[in-house]
Amino acid sequence: MSSKNGCLVLLALATGMCGSESQLAAAPRGRVIYYQTYAPVSCPPACQPAASVTTTTVTATKPATPTLYARLGGEPAIKAVVDDFVARASANPKVNVTRKGVRKEWNPTPENVAKLKMHLVNMIGMVTGGPQKYTGRDMKTAHTGMKITNAEFDAAAEDLVATLNKLKVPAAEQKELLDIIGTTRKDIVEKPLYERLGGEAAIKAVVDDFVARAASNPKVNFTRKGTDTEWPATPENVAKLKMHLVNMIGMVTGGPQKYTGRDMKAAHVGMKITNAEFDALAGDLIATLDKFKVPAAEKNELLTIIGSTRDAIVEVK
């Protein structure tokens, strides 16, 4: 047989044959093909194999693994998850969705809830391989100031698990989604001020320095000299005062301490503390915090808490 392109010798699975390029293309997938091209000559009945042989392997392509987005059921399924989860978390006091009691309290108006749901659908869609684009703020910026705790994050995660179970999402897909959500914990949960200050040891150091500083400041009038409630600064009384201060600061900054003394108003009745004396006391606290190089954000947060007691402590305006 003559051919303008020469004789194509094919040896497939150890069986010799002489054929054309079209036969190579038609070879079964997965079979090893041996071929050699000769110069244009008449092909004898039995083609002689060349000295050097080239091999080509034809392999089947494995189907792509479906994305988590597809396995979850796409946007309709994610919307159903978000609807149920938001309703469930909103009703759970352990989550505190509205951030009641913190500076950045959130108003759950229909418009705000709809916007939250839209962001959640887009975010989940995007991180699971869907076509959505999340255009909100990054997680850390969006949750700064909300003072979300690990316990609240865990409560929200439990609500999400309950939603996924209700909608019969398979275990493998649940785990994959929860692992993704779990990576946001470090950006959403804020360490309490107590931890950022350095815990009880740091607070004790602050209290020790602050009490000594205030006790020696005549503008504070630490012992309330000249009033009906003059206070004897005995070692026992000073130790008790320091204990109360450590427990109070620990408690209000998110620590495990419990303040068991009287409320601020009752504790200071009759002391006739003035605004100027309160300001002098605050100045001493600032000097102590600066001495210990407490960062500005934590210093301001603590001073704001202390400042909120002014109305209960000051008697003489």
Protein backbone atom coordinates (compact mmCIF):
# COMPACT_ATOMS: atom_id res chain seq x y z
CA MET A 1 0.00 0.00 0.00
CA SER A 2 1.39 3.41 -0.99
CA SER A 3 0.77 6.57 0.99
CA LYS A 4 1.83 10.15 0.58
CA ASN A 5 2.44 10.29 4.34
CA GLY A 6 4.29 6.96 4.42
CA CYS A 7 3.49 3.69 6.09
CA LEU A 8 2.30 3.94 9.73
CA VAL A 9 3.22 0.76 11.57
CA LEU A 10 0.98 0.05 14.56
CA LEU A 11 1.70 -2.56 17.13
CA ALA A 12 -1.16 -2.64 19.59
CA LEU A 13 -1.06 -4.98 22.55
CA ALA A 14 1.76 -6.96 20.90
CA THR A 15 -0.28 -7.47 17.71
CA GLY A 16 1.42 -6.15 14.52
CA MET A 17 -0.58 -4.34 11.86
CA CYS A 18 0.02 -1.78 9.16
CA GLY A 19 -2.48 1.04 9.01
CA SER A 20 -3.20 4.75 8.80
CA GLU A 21 -3.30 7.66 11.24
CA SER A 22 -7.07 7.35 11.43
CA GLN A 23 -6.62 3.90 12.93
CA LEU A 24 -4.51 5.44 15.68
CA ALA A 25 -7.25 7.92 16.48
CA ALA A 26 -9.78 5.09 16.62
CA ALA A 27 -7.73 2.98 18.98
CA PRO A 28 -9.52 2.03 22.19
CA ARG A 29 -8.89 4.39 25.14
CA GLY A 30 -6.39 3.11 27.66
CA ARG A 31 -4.47 0.94 25.14
CA VAL A 32 -0.74 1.46 24.51
CA ILE A 33 -0.04 2.30 20.88
CA TYR A 34 3.36 1.83 19.18
CA TYR A 35 3.94 3.62 15.91
CA GLN A 36 6.69 4.62 13.48
CA THR A 37 6.43 6.68 10.28
CA TYR A 38 8.46 5.65 7.23
CA ALA A 39 9.30 7.46 4.03
CA PRO A 40 6.81 7.06 1.12
CA VAL A 41 7.31 3.48 -0.12
CA SER A 42 5.11 0.57 -1.05
CA CYS A 43 4.09 -1.22 2.09
CA PRO A 44 4.95 -4.93 1.94
CA PRO A 45 2.53 -7.53 3.29
CA ALA A 46 4.38 -7.66 6.57
CA CYS A 47 5.68 -4.28 7.65
CA GLN A 48 8.98 -4.38 9.38
CA PRO A 49 9.05 -2.60 12.77
CA ALA A 50 11.62 0.13 13.09
CA ALA A 51 14.58 -0.06 15.42
CA SER A 52 13.27 2.76 17.61
CA VAL A 53 9.66 2.73 18.84
CA THR A 54 7.63 5.64 20.28
CA THR A 55 4.82 5.00 22.80
CA THR A 56 1.60 6.97 23.43
CA THR A 57 -0.79 6.26 26.29
CA VAL A 58 -4.44 7.24 25.89
CA THR A 59 -6.01 7.76 29.35
CA ALA A 60 -9.56 8.45 30.42
CA THR A 61 -10.25 11.78 32.24
CA LYS A 62 -11.83 11.43 35.69
CA PRO A 63 -14.98 13.50 36.26
CA ALA A 64 -14.43 16.62 38.42
CA THR A 65 -15.58 16.43 42.07
CA PRO A 66 -18.70 18.59 42.62
CA THR A 67 -18.11 21.73 44.70
CA LEU A 68 -19.49 21.97 48.23
CA TYR A 69 -21.84 24.61 46.86
CA ALA A 70 -23.32 22.05 44.42
CA ARG A 71 -23.43 19.31 47.05
CA LEU A 72 -25.29 21.59 49.45
CA GLY A 73 -27.92 22.18 46.77
CA GLY A 74 -26.91 25.57 45.40
CA GLU A 75 -28.44 28.94 46.22
CA PRO A 76 -32.01 27.76 47.06
CA ALA A 77 -30.67 25.33 49.66
CA ILE A 78 -28.27 27.90 51.13
CA LYS A 79 -31.09 30.46 51.38
CA ALA A 80 -33.18 27.90 53.27
CA VAL A 81 -30.28 27.28 55.67
CA VAL A 82 -29.73 31.01 56.24
CA ASP A 83 -33.43 31.71 56.83
CA ASP A 84 -33.73 28.98 59.46
CA PHE A 85 -30.37 29.77 61.08
CA VAL A 86 -31.02 33.51 61.45
CA ALA A 87 -34.43 32.89 63.03
CA ARG A 88 -32.97 30.27 65.37
CA ALA A 89 -29.97 32.40 66.44
CA SER A 90 -32.13 35.50 66.90
CA ALA A 91 -34.26 33.63 69.43
CA ASN A 92 -31.26 32.29 71.34
CA PRO A 93 -30.21 34.54 74.26
CA LYS A 94 -26.86 32.74 74.41
CA VAL A 95 -26.01 34.19 70.99
CA ASN A 96 -27.22 37.76 71.65
CA VAL A 97 -27.66 38.58 67.97
CA THR A 98 -28.64 42.20 68.67
CA ARG A 99 -25.55 42.64 70.91
CA LYS A 100 -27.72 43.97 73.71
CA GLY A 101 -25.68 45.51 76.49
CA VAL A 102 -22.69 46.40 74.32
CA ARG A 103 -21.80 49.65 72.63
CA LYS A 104 -22.58 48.40 69.11
CA GLU A 105 -26.15 47.20 69.70
CA TRP A 106 -27.79 46.08 66.43
CA ASN A 107 -31.37 46.96 65.47
CA PRO A 108 -33.05 43.92 63.84
CA THR A 109 -35.38 45.85 61.53
CA PRO A 110 -36.80 43.93 58.53
CA GLU A 111 -34.36 45.83 56.31
CA ASN A 112 -31.36 45.01 58.52
CA VAL A 113 -32.32 41.34 58.78
CA ALA A 114 -32.78 41.10 55.00
CA LYS A 115 -29.35 42.68 54.48
CA LEU A 116 -27.77 40.27 56.97
CA LYS A 117 -29.32 37.29 55.20
CA MET A 118 -28.12 38.54 51.81
CA HIS A 119 -24.56 38.89 53.11
CA LEU A 120 -24.67 35.40 54.66
CA VAL A 121 -25.96 33.79 51.45
CA ASN A 122 -23.31 35.54 49.37
CA MET A 123 -20.54 34.71 51.78
CA ILE A 124 -21.48 31.02 52.10
CA GLY A 125 -21.97 30.78 48.35
CA MET A 126 -18.57 32.28 47.62
CA VAL A 127 -16.56 30.21 50.13
CA THR A 128 -18.21 26.96 49.03
CA GLY A 129 -17.44 27.43 45.35
CA GLY A 130 -20.59 29.16 44.12
CA PRO A 131 -20.88 32.15 41.77
CA GLN A 132 -21.82 34.63 44.51
CA LYS A 133 -19.56 37.51 45.52
CA TYR A 134 -19.46 38.72 49.12
CA THR A 135 -19.09 42.50 49.06
CA GLY A 136 -19.43 43.30 52.76
CA ARG A 137 -16.65 44.27 55.15
CA ASP A 138 -14.07 41.68 56.19
CA MET A 139 -15.01 39.61 59.25
CA LYS A 140 -12.70 41.39 61.69
CA THR A 141 -13.83 44.89 60.72
CA ALA A 142 -17.51 43.91 60.63
CA HIS A 143 -17.42 42.52 64.18
CA THR A 144 -15.07 44.97 65.90
CA GLY A 145 -16.67 46.39 69.03
CA MET A 146 -19.41 43.74 69.21
CA LYS A 147 -17.53 41.99 72.04
CA ILE A 148 -18.54 38.55 70.83
CA THR A 149 -17.28 35.83 73.17
CA ASN A 150 -16.19 32.27 72.46
CA ALA A 151 -19.32 31.06 74.27
CA GLU A 152 -21.53 33.15 71.97
CA PHE A 153 -19.68 31.92 68.88
CA ASP A 154 -20.17 28.33 70.08
CA ALA A 155 -23.88 28.95 70.68
CA ALA A 156 -24.26 30.28 67.12
CA ALA A 157 -22.39 27.25 65.77
CA GLU A 158 -24.77 24.95 67.66
CA ASP A 159 -27.73 26.76 66.09
CA LEU A 160 -26.18 26.25 62.65
CA VAL A 161 -25.72 22.52 63.34
CA ALA A 162 -29.37 22.29 64.41
CA THR A 163 -30.41 23.97 61.15
CA LEU A 164 -28.25 21.67 59.03
CA ASN A 165 -29.69 18.63 60.82
CA LYS A 166 -33.22 19.88 60.33
CA LEU A 167 -32.63 20.23 56.58
CA LYS A 168 -30.93 16.80 56.48
CA VAL A 169 -27.58 18.03 55.17
CA PRO A 170 -25.24 14.98 55.00
CA ALA A 171 -22.53 14.63 57.64
CA ALA A 172 -19.63 15.11 55.22
CA GLU A 173 -21.02 18.38 53.86
CA GLN A 174 -21.89 19.57 57.37
CA LYS A 175 -18.32 19.02 58.56
CA GLU A 176 -16.85 20.74 55.51
CA LEU A 177 -19.08 23.80 55.96
CA LEU A 178 -18.52 23.97 59.73
CA ASP A 179 -14.75 23.77 59.24
CA ILE A 180 -14.94 26.78 56.90
CA ILE A 181 -17.11 28.74 59.35
CA GLY A 182 -14.76 27.78 62.18
CA THR A 183 -11.86 29.58 60.51
CA THR A 184 -13.65 32.90 61.12
CA ARG A 185 -13.59 32.52 64.92
CA LYS A 186 -10.29 34.40 65.30
CA ASP A 187 -11.72 37.40 63.41
CA ILE A 188 -15.16 37.43 65.06
CA VAL A 189 -14.44 36.67 68.70
CA GLU A 190 -12.89 39.55 70.61
CA LYS A 191 -10.75 38.84 73.64
CA PRO A 192 -12.35 40.46 76.68
CA LEU A 193 -10.67 43.56 78.06
CA TYR A 194 -9.65 41.47 81.07
CA GLU A 195 -7.42 39.27 78.89
CA ARG A 196 -6.10 42.20 76.88
CA LEU A 197 -5.08 43.95 80.10
CA GLY A 198 -3.12 40.86 81.12
CA GLY A 199 -5.50 39.14 83.54
CA GLU A 200 -5.51 39.25 87.34
CA ALA A 201 -1.75 39.62 87.78
CA ALA A 202 -1.67 42.78 85.64
CA ILE A 203 -4.79 44.21 87.30
CA LYS A 204 -3.27 43.66 90.75
CA ALA A 205 -0.12 45.52 89.67
CA VAL A 206 -2.26 48.41 88.39
CA VAL A 207 -4.31 48.55 91.60
CA ASP A 208 -1.21 48.49 93.83
CA ASP A 209 0.40 51.39 91.98
CA PHE A 210 -2.85 53.34 91.62
CA VAL A 211 -3.78 53.13 95.32
CA ALA A 212 -0.31 54.25 96.41
CA ARG A 213 -0.40 57.12 93.89
CA ALA A 214 -3.91 58.28 94.87
CA ALA A 215 -3.20 57.97 98.59
CA SER A 216 -0.34 60.44 98.28
CA ASN A 217 -2.28 62.92 96.12
CA PRO A 218 -3.85 65.74 98.21
CA LYS A 219 -6.16 66.62 95.31
CA VAL A 220 -7.85 63.23 95.76
CA ASN A 221 -8.20 63.43 99.57
CA PHE A 222 -7.94 59.66 99.78
CA THR A 223 -8.89 59.38 103.49
CA ARG A 224 -11.76 61.90 103.14
CA LYS A 225 -10.20 64.16 105.74
CA GLY A 226 -12.53 66.91 106.90
CA THR A 227 -15.72 64.91 106.17
CA ASP A 228 -17.98 62.86 108.42
CA THR A 229 -16.73 59.69 106.71
CA GLU A 230 -12.99 60.04 107.29
CA TRP A 231 -11.37 56.71 106.48
CA PRO A 232 -8.49 55.21 108.46
CA ALA A 233 -5.94 53.89 105.95
CA THR A 234 -4.82 50.93 108.06
CA PRO A 235 -3.00 48.05 106.33
CA GLU A 236 -6.13 45.92 106.76
CA ASN A 237 -8.41 48.58 105.25
CA VAL A 238 -6.05 49.23 102.36
CA ALA A 239 -5.77 45.49 101.66
CA LYS A 240 -9.57 45.18 101.67
CA LEU A 241 -9.91 48.19 99.35
CA LYS A 242 -7.40 46.69 96.92
CA MET A 243 -9.23 43.37 96.95
CA HIS A 244 -12.53 45.09 96.12
CA LEU A 245 -10.90 47.10 93.32
CA VAL A 246 -9.29 44.00 91.75
CA ASN A 247 -12.57 42.10 91.89
CA MET A 248 -14.59 45.02 90.54
CA ILE A 249 -12.19 45.73 87.65
CA GLY A 250 -11.92 42.02 86.89
CA MET A 251 -15.68 41.59 86.78
CA VAL A 252 -16.47 44.64 84.64
CA THR A 253 -13.71 43.80 82.13
CA GLY A 254 -14.90 40.24 81.54
CA GLY A 255 -12.84 38.32 84.08
CA PRO A 256 -13.97 35.54 86.44
CA GLN A 257 -13.93 37.73 89.56
CA LYS A 258 -17.07 38.65 91.49
CA TYR A 259 -17.40 42.00 93.21
CA THR A 260 -19.28 41.46 96.48
CA GLY A 261 -19.02 44.93 97.98
CA ARG A 262 -21.75 47.57 98.17
CA ASP A 263 -22.93 49.30 95.01
CA MET A 264 -21.02 52.45 94.07
CA LYS A 265 -23.64 54.90 95.31
CA ALA A 266 -24.10 53.24 98.69
CA ALA A 267 -20.36 52.80 99.17
CA HIS A 268 -19.63 56.52 98.64
CA VAL A 269 -22.59 58.16 100.38
CA GLY A 270 -21.44 60.94 102.74
CA MET A 271 -17.90 61.08 101.35
CA LYS A 272 -18.73 64.37 99.59
CA ILE A 273 -16.49 63.54 96.64
CA THR A 274 -16.32 66.39 94.13
CA ASN A 275 -15.89 66.31 90.34
CA ALA A 276 -12.41 67.79 90.79
CA GLU A 277 -11.45 64.97 93.16
CA PHE A 278 -12.88 62.38 90.77
CA ASP A 279 -10.86 63.94 87.94
CA ALA A 280 -7.69 63.89 90.08
CA LEU A 281 -8.30 60.22 90.83
CA ALA A 282 -8.78 59.52 87.11
CA GLY A 283 -5.53 61.36 86.42
CA ASP A 284 -3.70 59.06 88.83
CA LEU A 285 -5.19 56.01 87.13
CA ILE A 286 -4.04 57.32 83.74
CA ALA A 287 -0.52 57.84 85.12
CA THR A 288 -0.49 54.24 86.40
CA LEU A 289 -1.73 52.82 83.11
CA ASP A 290 0.90 54.82 81.24
CA LYS A 291 3.60 53.56 83.61
CA PHE A 292 2.65 49.98 82.74
CA LYS A 293 2.46 50.81 79.01
CA VAL A 294 -1.20 49.76 78.66
CA PRO A 295 -2.13 50.27 74.97
CA ALA A 296 -4.33 53.27 74.14
CA ALA A 297 -7.34 51.19 73.05
CA GLU A 298 -7.42 49.19 76.29
CA LYS A 299 -6.70 52.28 78.39
CA ASN A 300 -9.59 54.21 76.84
CA GLU A 301 -11.93 51.25 77.21
CA LEU A 302 -11.13 50.91 80.91
CA LEU A 303 -11.40 54.66 81.53
CA THR A 304 -14.80 54.69 79.84
CA ILE A 305 -15.98 51.98 82.24
CA ILE A 306 -14.59 53.83 85.26
CA GLY A 307 -16.05 57.10 83.98
CA SER A 308 -19.53 55.57 83.96
CA THR A 309 -19.39 55.45 87.80
CA ARG A 310 -19.00 59.25 88.15
CA ASP A 311 -22.70 59.94 88.78
CA ALA A 312 -22.85 57.30 91.52
CA ILE A 313 -19.64 58.49 93.26
CA VAL A 314 -19.68 62.30 92.99
CA GLU A 315 -21.93 64.05 95.52
CA VAL A 316 -20.74 67.64 95.27
CA LYS A 317 -21.12 68.94 91.71
